[in-house]
Amino acid sequence: MSGGGLKGILAAAVTKGVTEARARIFGHVLNPTGLRSPHKILRKKLIGEKVAQWYPHDVTRDDPLVMARQEQERLTKLEMLKRRGKGAPKKGQGKGAIKRNKGK
């Protein structure tokens, strides 16, 4: 009876040694208790650089000439709307101010 128990203990020790050696060789992390570990997430490659490569470099933000042209177009459009009477109201003259003043 004690021979069977010894055999089991030896077999467990051998398999434990083999798994430890395998983990060292292949760079695995041992988790004999089976508890949750962040290792699976942490060993993944970071994807930030790869995602950034999909999007082209935004030239419009860096070039002051492009920004100036866009601002000029915006101002001309606003002026055109104002001439037609469709521009933004003066400060304090919008819908909210009209609603507040109706009750008085």
PDB file of N, CA and C in Angstrom:
ATOM      1  N   MET A   1       0.823  -1.196   0.000  1.00  0.00           N
ATOM      2  CA  MET A   1       0.000   0.000   0.000  1.00  0.00           C
ATOM      3  C   MET A   1       0.858   1.246   0.000  1.00  0.00           C
ATOM      4  N   SER A   2       1.919   1.231   0.785  1.00  0.00           N
ATOM      5  CA  SER A   2       2.778   2.403   0.799  1.00  0.00           C
ATOM      6  C   SER A   2       3.549   2.533  -0.513  1.00  0.00           C
ATOM      7  N   GLY A   3       3.743   1.420  -1.238  1.00  0.00           N
ATOM      8  CA  GLY A   3       4.440   1.474  -2.528  1.00  0.00           C
ATOM      9  C   GLY A   3       3.634   2.243  -3.562  1.00  0.00           C
ATOM     10  N   GLY A   4       2.305   2.060  -3.553  1.00  0.00           N
ATOM     11  CA  GLY A   4       1.446   2.768  -4.503  1.00  0.00           C
ATOM     12  C   GLY A   4       1.436   4.259  -4.226  1.00  0.00           C
ATOM     13  N   GLY A   5       1.443   4.634  -2.958  1.00  0.00           N
ATOM     14  CA  GLY A   5       1.449   6.038  -2.587  1.00  0.00           C
ATOM     15  C   GLY A   5       2.759   6.703  -2.967  1.00  0.00           C
ATOM     16  N   LEU A   6       3.848   5.961  -2.769  1.00  0.00           N
ATOM     17  CA  LEU A   6       5.162   6.497  -3.129  1.00  0.00           C
ATOM     18  C   LEU A   6       5.277   6.688  -4.631  1.00  0.00           C
ATOM     19  N   LYS A   7       4.703   5.716  -5.353  1.00  0.00           N
ATOM     20  CA  LYS A   7       4.725   5.796  -6.814  1.00  0.00           C
ATOM     21  C   LYS A   7       3.973   7.045  -7.293  1.00  0.00           C
ATOM     22  N   GLY A   8       2.852   7.329  -6.675  1.00  0.00           N
ATOM     23  CA  GLY A   8       2.062   8.513  -7.035  1.00  0.00           C
ATOM     24  C   GLY A   8       2.789   9.800  -6.709  1.00  0.00           C
ATOM     25  N   ILE A   9       3.462   9.824  -5.555  1.00  0.00           N
ATOM     26  CA  ILE A   9       4.207  11.022  -5.171  1.00  0.00           C
ATOM     27  C   ILE A   9       5.355  11.273  -6.141  1.00  0.00           C
ATOM     28  N   LEU A  10       6.055  10.178  -6.504  1.00  0.00           N
ATOM     29  CA  LEU A  10       7.162  10.305  -7.468  1.00  0.00           C
ATOM     30  C   LEU A  10       6.659  10.778  -8.828  1.00  0.00           C
ATOM     31  N   ALA A  11       5.530  10.216  -9.264  1.00  0.00           N
ATOM     32  CA  ALA A  11       4.967  10.609 -10.562  1.00  0.00           C
ATOM     33  C   ALA A  11       4.571  12.086 -10.548  1.00  0.00           C
ATOM     34  N   ALA A  12       3.986  12.543  -9.444  1.00  0.00           N
ATOM     35  CA  ALA A  12       3.588  13.954  -9.340  1.00  0.00           C
ATOM     36  C   ALA A  12       4.815  14.855  -9.353  1.00  0.00           C
ATOM     37  N   ALA A  13       5.882  14.428  -8.651  1.00  0.00           N
ATOM     38  CA  ALA A  13       7.100  15.239  -8.612  1.00  0.00           C
ATOM     39  C   ALA A  13       7.741  15.324  -9.996  1.00  0.00           C
ATOM     40  N   VAL A  14       7.736  14.190 -10.697  1.00  0.00           N
ATOM     41  CA  VAL A  14       8.327  14.173 -12.043  1.00  0.00           C
ATOM     42  C   VAL A  14       7.538  15.072 -12.983  1.00  0.00           C
ATOM     43  N   THR A  15       6.217  14.967 -12.966  1.00  0.00           N
ATOM     44  CA  THR A  15       5.416  15.804 -13.869  1.00  0.00           C
ATOM     45  C   THR A  15       5.538  17.275 -13.510  1.00  0.00           C
ATOM     46  N   LYS A  16       5.648  17.564 -12.213  1.00  0.00           N
ATOM     47  CA  LYS A  16       5.840  18.959 -11.801  1.00  0.00           C
ATOM     48  C   LYS A  16       7.173  19.479 -12.315  1.00  0.00           C
ATOM     49  N   GLY A  17       8.221  18.677 -12.189  1.00  0.00           N
ATOM     50  CA  GLY A  17       9.535  19.077 -12.688  1.00  0.00           C
ATOM     51  C   GLY A  17       9.535  19.271 -14.190  1.00  0.00           C
ATOM     52  N   VAL A  18       8.830  18.379 -14.888  1.00  0.00           N
ATOM     53  CA  VAL A  18       8.764  18.482 -16.353  1.00  0.00           C
ATOM     54  C   VAL A  18       8.018  19.755 -16.754  1.00  0.00           C
ATOM     55  N   THR A  19       6.905  20.051 -16.098  1.00  0.00           N
ATOM     56  CA  THR A  19       6.150  21.253 -16.465  1.00  0.00           C
ATOM     57  C   THR A  19       6.941  22.520 -16.148  1.00  0.00           C
ATOM     58  N   GLU A  20       7.683  22.499 -15.030  1.00  0.00           N
ATOM     59  CA  GLU A  20       8.515  23.670 -14.717  1.00  0.00           C
ATOM     60  C   GLU A  20       9.607  23.859 -15.758  1.00  0.00           C
ATOM     61  N   ALA A  21      10.241  22.760 -16.158  1.00  0.00           N
ATOM     62  CA  ALA A  21      11.296  22.850 -17.169  1.00  0.00           C
ATOM     63  C   ALA A  21      10.717  23.328 -18.498  1.00  0.00           C
ATOM     64  N   ARG A  22       9.559  22.802 -18.862  1.00  0.00           N
ATOM     65  CA  ARG A  22       8.929  23.213 -20.113  1.00  0.00           C
ATOM     66  C   ARG A  22       8.587  24.703 -20.085  1.00  0.00           C
ATOM     67  N   ALA A  23       8.095  25.180 -18.939  1.00  0.00           N
ATOM     68  CA  ALA A  23       7.751  26.594 -18.804  1.00  0.00           C
ATOM     69  C   ALA A  23       8.999  27.465 -18.935  1.00  0.00           C
ATOM     70  N   ARG A  24      10.095  27.021 -18.341  1.00  0.00           N
ATOM     71  CA  ARG A  24      11.341  27.798 -18.453  1.00  0.00           C
ATOM     72  C   ARG A  24      11.848  27.818 -19.886  1.00  0.00           C
ATOM     73  N   ILE A  25      11.772  26.681 -20.567  1.00  0.00           N
ATOM     74  CA  ILE A  25      12.298  26.585 -21.938  1.00  0.00           C
ATOM     75  C   ILE A  25      11.472  27.438 -22.885  1.00  0.00           C
ATOM     76  N   PHE A  26      10.152  27.319 -22.816  1.00  0.00           N
ATOM     77  CA  PHE A  26       9.285  27.996 -23.782  1.00  0.00           C
ATOM     78  C   PHE A  26       8.799  29.352 -23.314  1.00  0.00           C
ATOM     79  N   GLY A  27       9.219  29.794 -22.123  1.00  0.00           N
ATOM     80  CA  GLY A  27       8.849  31.118 -21.651  1.00  0.00           C
ATOM     81  C   GLY A  27       7.405  31.223 -21.191  1.00  0.00           C
ATOM     82  N   HIS A  28       6.822  30.120 -20.737  1.00  0.00           N
ATOM     83  CA  HIS A  28       5.450  30.146 -20.246  1.00  0.00           C
ATOM     84  C   HIS A  28       5.429  30.531 -18.777  1.00  0.00           C
ATOM     85  N   VAL A  29       4.262  30.937 -18.291  1.00  0.00           N
ATOM     86  CA  VAL A  29       4.087  31.257 -16.885  1.00  0.00           C
ATOM     87  C   VAL A  29       3.287  30.126 -16.246  1.00  0.00           C
ATOM     88  N   LEU A  30       3.813  29.581 -15.170  1.00  0.00           N
ATOM     89  CA  LEU A  30       3.113  28.506 -14.482  1.00  0.00           C
ATOM     90  C   LEU A  30       1.991  29.088 -13.634  1.00  0.00           C
ATOM     91  N   ASN A  31       0.861  28.410 -13.673  1.00  0.00           N
ATOM     92  CA  ASN A  31      -0.284  28.809 -12.853  1.00  0.00           C
ATOM     93  C   ASN A  31      -0.913  27.540 -12.301  1.00  0.00           C
ATOM     94  N   PRO A  32      -0.240  26.885 -11.332  1.00  0.00           N
ATOM     95  CA  PRO A  32      -0.751  25.596 -10.848  1.00  0.00           C
ATOM     96  C   PRO A  32      -2.068  25.722 -10.089  1.00  0.00           C
ATOM     97  N   THR A  33      -2.351  26.876  -9.492  1.00  0.00           N
ATOM     98  CA  THR A  33      -3.599  27.021  -8.740  1.00  0.00           C
ATOM     99  C   THR A  33      -4.784  27.306  -9.653  1.00  0.00           C
ATOM    100  N   GLY A  34      -4.518  27.771 -10.865  1.00  0.00           N
ATOM    101  CA  GLY A  34      -5.602  28.046 -11.809  1.00  0.00           C
ATOM    102  C   GLY A  34      -6.313  29.348 -11.549  1.00  0.00           C
ATOM    103  N   LEU A  35      -5.728  30.238 -10.753  1.00  0.00           N
ATOM    104  CA  LEU A  35      -6.355  31.525 -10.490  1.00  0.00           C
ATOM    105  C   LEU A  35      -6.238  32.427 -11.710  1.00  0.00           C
ATOM    106  N   ARG A  36      -7.123  33.427 -11.781  1.00  0.00           N
ATOM    107  CA  ARG A  36      -7.080  34.364 -12.909  1.00  0.00           C
ATOM    108  C   ARG A  36      -5.811  35.191 -12.848  1.00  0.00           C
ATOM    109  N   SER A  37      -5.251  35.418 -14.004  1.00  0.00           N
ATOM    110  CA  SER A  37      -3.989  36.144 -14.059  1.00  0.00           C
ATOM    111  C   SER A  37      -4.031  37.096 -15.252  1.00  0.00           C
ATOM    112  N   PRO A  38      -3.418  38.273 -15.129  1.00  0.00           N
ATOM    113  CA  PRO A  38      -3.406  39.213 -16.257  1.00  0.00           C
ATOM    114  C   PRO A  38      -2.353  38.873 -17.303  1.00  0.00           C
ATOM    115  N   HIS A  39      -1.641  37.776 -17.105  1.00  0.00           N
ATOM    116  CA  HIS A  39      -0.530  37.452 -18.005  1.00  0.00           C
ATOM    117  C   HIS A  39      -0.988  37.288 -19.451  1.00  0.00           C
ATOM    118  N   LYS A  40      -2.147  36.682 -19.658  1.00  0.00           N
ATOM    119  CA  LYS A  40      -2.652  36.448 -21.010  1.00  0.00           C
ATOM    120  C   LYS A  40      -2.845  37.771 -21.751  1.00  0.00           C
ATOM    121  N   ILE A  41      -3.343  38.773 -21.049  1.00  0.00           N
ATOM    122  CA  ILE A  41      -3.569  40.085 -21.660  1.00  0.00           C
ATOM    123  C   ILE A  41      -2.248  40.807 -21.868  1.00  0.00           C
ATOM    124  N   LEU A  42      -1.369  40.712 -20.882  1.00  0.00           N
ATOM    125  CA  LEU A  42      -0.115  41.461 -20.936  1.00  0.00           C
ATOM    126  C   LEU A  42       0.848  40.928 -21.988  1.00  0.00           C
ATOM    127  N   ARG A  43       0.731  39.658 -22.359  1.00  0.00           N
ATOM    128  CA  ARG A  43       1.687  39.123 -23.328  1.00  0.00           C
ATOM    129  C   ARG A  43       1.304  39.452 -24.767  1.00  0.00           C
ATOM    130  N   LYS A  44       0.103  39.966 -24.975  1.00  0.00           N
ATOM    131  CA  LYS A  44      -0.302  40.351 -26.337  1.00  0.00           C
ATOM    132  C   LYS A  44       0.513  41.541 -26.803  1.00  0.00           C
ATOM    133  N   LYS A  45       0.679  41.635 -28.112  1.00  0.00           N
ATOM    134  CA  LYS A  45       1.381  42.784 -28.682  1.00  0.00           C
ATOM    135  C   LYS A  45       0.524  44.031 -28.524  1.00  0.00           C
ATOM    136  N   LEU A  46       1.170  45.157 -28.337  1.00  0.00           N
ATOM    137  CA  LEU A  46       0.435  46.416 -28.261  1.00  0.00           C
ATOM    138  C   LEU A  46       0.006  46.815 -29.660  1.00  0.00           C
ATOM    139  N   ILE A  47      -1.231  47.283 -29.794  1.00  0.00           N
ATOM    140  CA  ILE A  47      -1.764  47.533 -31.127  1.00  0.00           C
ATOM    141  C   ILE A  47      -1.814  49.009 -31.485  1.00  0.00           C
ATOM    142  N   GLY A  48      -1.394  49.892 -30.594  1.00  0.00           N
ATOM    143  CA  GLY A  48      -1.537  51.324 -30.849  1.00  0.00           C
ATOM    144  C   GLY A  48      -0.813  51.790 -32.099  1.00  0.00           C
ATOM    145  N   GLU A  49       0.420  51.344 -32.283  1.00  0.00           N
ATOM    146  CA  GLU A  49       1.201  51.770 -33.455  1.00  0.00           C
ATOM    147  C   GLU A  49       0.561  51.253 -34.737  1.00  0.00           C
ATOM    148  N   LYS A  50       0.074  50.023 -34.701  1.00  0.00           N
ATOM    149  CA  LYS A  50      -0.519  49.423 -35.897  1.00  0.00           C
ATOM    150  C   LYS A  50      -1.796  50.170 -36.284  1.00  0.00           C
ATOM    151  N   VAL A  51      -2.583  50.538 -35.301  1.00  0.00           N
ATOM    152  CA  VAL A  51      -3.819  51.274 -35.578  1.00  0.00           C
ATOM    153  C   VAL A  51      -3.486  52.655 -36.133  1.00  0.00           C
ATOM    154  N   ALA A  52      -2.462  53.290 -35.584  1.00  0.00           N
ATOM    155  CA  ALA A  52      -2.087  54.627 -36.035  1.00  0.00           C
ATOM    156  C   ALA A  52      -1.613  54.614 -37.482  1.00  0.00           C
ATOM    157  N   GLN A  53      -1.065  53.493 -37.932  1.00  0.00           N
ATOM    158  CA  GLN A  53      -0.586  53.414 -39.316  1.00  0.00           C
ATOM    159  C   GLN A  53      -1.732  53.409 -40.322  1.00  0.00           C
ATOM    160  N   TRP A  54      -2.915  53.000 -39.900  1.00  0.00           N
ATOM    161  CA  TRP A  54      -4.052  52.946 -40.818  1.00  0.00           C
ATOM    162  C   TRP A  54      -4.519  54.348 -41.226  1.00  0.00           C
ATOM    163  N   TYR A  55      -4.320  55.308 -40.346  1.00  0.00           N
ATOM    164  CA  TYR A  55      -4.829  56.642 -40.608  1.00  0.00           C
ATOM    165  C   TYR A  55      -3.716  57.505 -41.186  1.00  0.00           C
ATOM    166  N   PRO A  56      -3.987  58.189 -42.277  1.00  0.00           N
ATOM    167  CA  PRO A  56      -2.935  59.027 -42.879  1.00  0.00           C
ATOM    168  C   PRO A  56      -2.642  60.252 -42.011  1.00  0.00           C
ATOM    169  N   HIS A  57      -1.464  60.784 -42.181  1.00  0.00           N
ATOM    170  CA  HIS A  57      -1.057  61.979 -41.445  1.00  0.00           C
ATOM    171  C   HIS A  57      -1.916  63.151 -41.905  1.00  0.00           C
ATOM    172  N   ASP A  58      -2.465  63.902 -40.965  1.00  0.00           N
ATOM    173  CA  ASP A  58      -3.367  64.997 -41.293  1.00  0.00           C
ATOM    174  C   ASP A  58      -2.561  66.248 -41.634  1.00  0.00           C
ATOM    175  N   VAL A  59      -2.488  66.560 -42.917  1.00  0.00           N
ATOM    176  CA  VAL A  59      -1.703  67.695 -43.381  1.00  0.00           C
ATOM    177  C   VAL A  59      -2.402  69.009 -43.056  1.00  0.00           C
ATOM    178  N   THR A  60      -3.725  68.993 -43.025  1.00  0.00           N
ATOM    179  CA  THR A  60      -4.459  70.245 -42.842  1.00  0.00           C
ATOM    180  C   THR A  60      -4.203  70.863 -41.479  1.00  0.00           C
ATOM    181  N   ARG A  61      -3.920  70.056 -40.485  1.00  0.00           N
ATOM    182  CA  ARG A  61      -3.682  70.600 -39.141  1.00  0.00           C
ATOM    183  C   ARG A  61      -2.301  71.239 -39.023  1.00  0.00           C
ATOM    184  N   ASP A  62      -1.343  70.764 -39.798  1.00  0.00           N
ATOM    185  CA  ASP A  62       0.030  71.251 -39.680  1.00  0.00           C
ATOM    186  C   ASP A  62       0.324  72.453 -40.567  1.00  0.00           C
ATOM    187  N   ASP A  63      -0.366  72.559 -41.689  1.00  0.00           N
ATOM    188  CA  ASP A  63      -0.054  73.594 -42.666  1.00  0.00           C
ATOM    189  C   ASP A  63      -0.839  74.868 -42.351  1.00  0.00           C
ATOM    190  N   PRO A  64      -0.172  75.959 -42.006  1.00  0.00           N
ATOM    191  CA  PRO A  64      -0.904  77.190 -41.679  1.00  0.00           C
ATOM    192  C   PRO A  64      -1.639  77.788 -42.881  1.00  0.00           C
ATOM    193  N   LEU A  65      -1.128  77.553 -44.096  1.00  0.00           N
ATOM    194  CA  LEU A  65      -1.808  78.080 -45.282  1.00  0.00           C
ATOM    195  C   LEU A  65      -3.169  77.415 -45.477  1.00  0.00           C
ATOM    196  N   VAL A  66      -3.227  76.108 -45.251  1.00  0.00           N
ATOM    197  CA  VAL A  66      -4.495  75.383 -45.393  1.00  0.00           C
ATOM    198  C   VAL A  66      -5.471  75.850 -44.320  1.00  0.00           C
ATOM    199  N   MET A  67      -4.970  76.017 -43.085  1.00  0.00           N
ATOM    200  CA  MET A  67      -5.837  76.467 -41.990  1.00  0.00           C
ATOM    201  C   MET A  67      -6.366  77.872 -42.273  1.00  0.00           C
ATOM    202  N   ALA A  68      -5.517  78.743 -42.788  1.00  0.00           N
ATOM    203  CA  ALA A  68      -5.945  80.114 -43.093  1.00  0.00           C
ATOM    204  C   ALA A  68      -7.015  80.114 -44.183  1.00  0.00           C
ATOM    205  N   ARG A  69      -6.835  79.255 -45.199  1.00  0.00           N
ATOM    206  CA  ARG A  69      -7.821  79.192 -46.278  1.00  0.00           C
ATOM    207  C   ARG A  69      -9.163  78.688 -45.751  1.00  0.00           C
ATOM    208  N   GLN A  70      -9.119  77.673 -44.882  1.00  0.00           N
ATOM    209  CA  GLN A  70     -10.366  77.153 -44.320  1.00  0.00           C
ATOM    210  C   GLN A  70     -11.067  78.201 -43.464  1.00  0.00           C
ATOM    211  N   GLU A  71     -10.295  78.949 -42.694  1.00  0.00           N
ATOM    212  CA  GLU A  71     -10.872  80.007 -41.857  1.00  0.00           C
ATOM    213  C   GLU A  71     -11.485  81.102 -42.733  1.00  0.00           C
ATOM    214  N   GLN A  72     -10.815  81.433 -43.822  1.00  0.00           N
ATOM    215  CA  GLN A  72     -11.325  82.459 -44.754  1.00  0.00           C
ATOM    216  C   GLN A  72     -12.635  81.997 -45.385  1.00  0.00           C
ATOM    217  N   GLU A  73     -12.685  80.720 -45.772  1.00  0.00           N
ATOM    218  CA  GLU A  73     -13.919  80.180 -46.348  1.00  0.00           C
ATOM    219  C   GLU A  73     -15.057  80.228 -45.324  1.00  0.00           C
ATOM    220  N   ARG A  74     -14.749  79.908 -44.080  1.00  0.00           N
ATOM    221  CA  ARG A  74     -15.762  79.936 -43.029  1.00  0.00           C
ATOM    222  C   ARG A  74     -16.300  81.351 -42.831  1.00  0.00           C
ATOM    223  N   LEU A  75     -15.386  82.330 -42.812  1.00  0.00           N
ATOM    224  CA  LEU A  75     -15.816  83.716 -42.606  1.00  0.00           C
ATOM    225  C   LEU A  75     -16.655  84.228 -43.766  1.00  0.00           C
ATOM    226  N   THR A  76     -16.280  83.879 -45.005  1.00  0.00           N
ATOM    227  CA  THR A  76     -17.070  84.331 -46.162  1.00  0.00           C
ATOM    228  C   THR A  76     -18.457  83.688 -46.145  1.00  0.00           C
ATOM    229  N   LYS A  77     -18.522  82.430 -45.730  1.00  0.00           N
ATOM    230  CA  LYS A  77     -19.819  81.764 -45.652  1.00  0.00           C
ATOM    231  C   LYS A  77     -20.705  82.429 -44.597  1.00  0.00           C
ATOM    232  N   LEU A  78     -20.094  82.772 -43.432  1.00  0.00           N
ATOM    233  CA  LEU A  78     -20.861  83.457 -42.390  1.00  0.00           C
ATOM    234  C   LEU A  78     -21.376  84.806 -42.871  1.00  0.00           C
ATOM    235  N   GLU A  79     -20.530  85.536 -43.577  1.00  0.00           N
ATOM    236  CA  GLU A  79     -20.952  86.853 -44.084  1.00  0.00           C
ATOM    237  C   GLU A  79     -22.095  86.722 -45.081  1.00  0.00           C
ATOM    238  N   MET A  80     -22.022  85.690 -45.934  1.00  0.00           N
ATOM    239  CA  MET A  80     -23.086  85.460 -46.901  1.00  0.00           C
ATOM    240  C   MET A  80     -24.401  85.152 -46.181  1.00  0.00           C
ATOM    241  N   LEU A  81     -24.332  84.335 -45.125  1.00  0.00           N
ATOM    242  CA  LEU A  81     -25.534  84.005 -44.363  1.00  0.00           C
ATOM    243  C   LEU A  81     -26.099  85.240 -43.672  1.00  0.00           C
ATOM    244  N   LYS A  82     -25.229  86.097 -43.131  1.00  0.00           N
ATOM    245  CA  LYS A  82     -25.689  87.316 -42.459  1.00  0.00           C
ATOM    246  C   LYS A  82     -26.395  88.248 -43.435  1.00  0.00           C
ATOM    247  N   ARG A  83     -25.853  88.354 -44.648  1.00  0.00           N
ATOM    248  CA  ARG A  83     -26.487  89.235 -45.646  1.00  0.00           C
ATOM    249  C   ARG A  83     -27.879  88.742 -46.011  1.00  0.00           C
ATOM    250  N   ARG A  84     -28.071  87.414 -45.990  1.00  0.00           N
ATOM    251  CA  ARG A  84     -29.393  86.857 -46.293  1.00  0.00           C
ATOM    252  C   ARG A  84     -30.299  86.835 -45.074  1.00  0.00           C
ATOM    253  N   GLY A  85     -29.767  87.233 -43.911  1.00  0.00           N
ATOM    254  CA  GLY A  85     -30.572  87.244 -42.700  1.00  0.00           C
ATOM    255  C   GLY A  85     -30.633  85.889 -42.012  1.00  0.00           C
ATOM    256  N   LYS A  86     -29.723  84.995 -42.341  1.00  0.00           N
ATOM    257  CA  LYS A  86     -29.728  83.645 -41.779  1.00  0.00           C
ATOM    258  C   LYS A  86     -28.576  83.433 -40.798  1.00  0.00           C
ATOM    259  N   GLY A  87     -27.837  84.448 -40.468  1.00  0.00           N
ATOM    260  CA  GLY A  87     -26.677  84.315 -39.591  1.00  0.00           C
ATOM    261  C   GLY A  87     -27.068  84.088 -38.147  1.00  0.00           C
ATOM    262  N   ALA A  88     -26.063  83.867 -37.307  1.00  0.00           N
ATOM    263  CA  ALA A  88     -26.308  83.660 -35.883  1.00  0.00           C
ATOM    264  C   ALA A  88     -26.796  84.955 -35.259  1.00  0.00           C
ATOM    265  N   PRO A  89     -27.710  84.886 -34.284  1.00  0.00           N
ATOM    266  CA  PRO A  89     -28.203  86.105 -33.643  1.00  0.00           C
ATOM    267  C   PRO A  89     -27.139  86.710 -32.738  1.00  0.00           C
ATOM    268  N   LYS A  90     -27.351  87.991 -32.379  1.00  0.00           N
ATOM    269  CA  LYS A  90     -26.428  88.641 -31.451  1.00  0.00           C
ATOM    270  C   LYS A  90     -26.515  87.961 -30.101  1.00  0.00           C
ATOM    271  N   LYS A  91     -25.500  88.153 -29.305  1.00  0.00           N
ATOM    272  CA  LYS A  91     -25.447  87.522 -27.991  1.00  0.00           C
ATOM    273  C   LYS A  91     -26.630  88.018 -27.146  1.00  0.00           C
ATOM    274  N   GLY A  92     -27.367  87.077 -26.568  1.00  0.00           N
ATOM    275  CA  GLY A  92     -28.515  87.435 -25.741  1.00  0.00           C
ATOM    276  C   GLY A  92     -29.791  87.649 -26.526  1.00  0.00           C
ATOM    277  N   GLN A  93     -29.776  87.365 -27.827  1.00  0.00           N
ATOM    278  CA  GLN A  93     -30.967  87.576 -28.656  1.00  0.00           C
ATOM    279  C   GLN A  93     -31.507  86.271 -29.243  1.00  0.00           C
ATOM    280  N   GLY A  94     -30.991  85.122 -28.798  1.00  0.00           N
ATOM    281  CA  GLY A  94     -31.387  83.831 -29.372  1.00  0.00           C
ATOM    282  C   GLY A  94     -32.696  83.309 -28.825  1.00  0.00           C
ATOM    283  N   LYS A  95     -32.998  82.043 -29.141  1.00  0.00           N
ATOM    284  CA  LYS A  95     -34.262  81.425 -28.739  1.00  0.00           C
ATOM    285  C   LYS A  95     -34.412  81.373 -27.222  1.00  0.00           C
ATOM    286  N   GLY A  96     -33.324  81.009 -26.539  1.00  0.00           N
ATOM    287  CA  GLY A  96     -33.399  80.908 -25.077  1.00  0.00           C
ATOM    288  C   GLY A  96     -33.734  82.228 -24.425  1.00  0.00           C
ATOM    289  N   ALA A  97     -33.131  83.318 -24.924  1.00  0.00           N
ATOM    290  CA  ALA A  97     -33.395  84.635 -24.347  1.00  0.00           C
ATOM    291  C   ALA A  97     -34.837  85.060 -24.627  1.00  0.00           C
ATOM    292  N   ILE A  98     -35.345  84.724 -25.787  1.00  0.00           N
ATOM    293  CA  ILE A  98     -36.717  85.094 -26.124  1.00  0.00           C
ATOM    294  C   ILE A  98     -37.694  84.354 -25.208  1.00  0.00           C
ATOM    295  N   LYS A  99     -37.428  83.082 -24.937  1.00  0.00           N
ATOM    296  CA  LYS A  99     -38.307  82.314 -24.059  1.00  0.00           C
ATOM    297  C   LYS A  99     -38.278  82.883 -22.630  1.00  0.00           C
ATOM    298  N   ARG A 100     -37.105  83.274 -22.169  1.00  0.00           N
ATOM    299  CA  ARG A 100     -36.997  83.820 -20.816  1.00  0.00           C
ATOM    300  C   ARG A 100     -37.732  85.145 -20.701  1.00  0.00           C
ATOM    301  N   ASN A 101     -37.680  85.973 -21.738  1.00  0.00           N
ATOM    302  CA  ASN A 101     -38.280  87.300 -21.678  1.00  0.00           C
ATOM    303  C   ASN A 101     -39.795  87.284 -21.894  1.00  0.00           C
ATOM    304  N   LYS A 102     -40.341  86.198 -22.446  1.00  0.00           N
ATOM    305  CA  LYS A 102     -41.788  86.136 -22.699  1.00  0.00           C
ATOM    306  C   LYS A 102     -42.576  86.118 -21.392  1.00  0.00           C
ATOM    307  N   GLY A 103     -42.043  85.464 -20.381  1.00  0.00           N
ATOM    308  CA  GLY A 103     -42.756  85.341 -19.115  1.00  0.00           C
ATOM    309  C   GLY A 103     -42.838  86.630 -18.344  1.00  0.00           C
ATOM    310  N   LYS A 104     -42.027  87.597 -18.659  1.00  0.00           N
ATOM    311  CA  LYS A 104     -41.982  88.860 -17.895  1.00  0.00           C
ATOM    312  C   LYS A 104     -43.000  89.859 -18.375  1.00  0.00           C
TER     313      LYS A 104
END
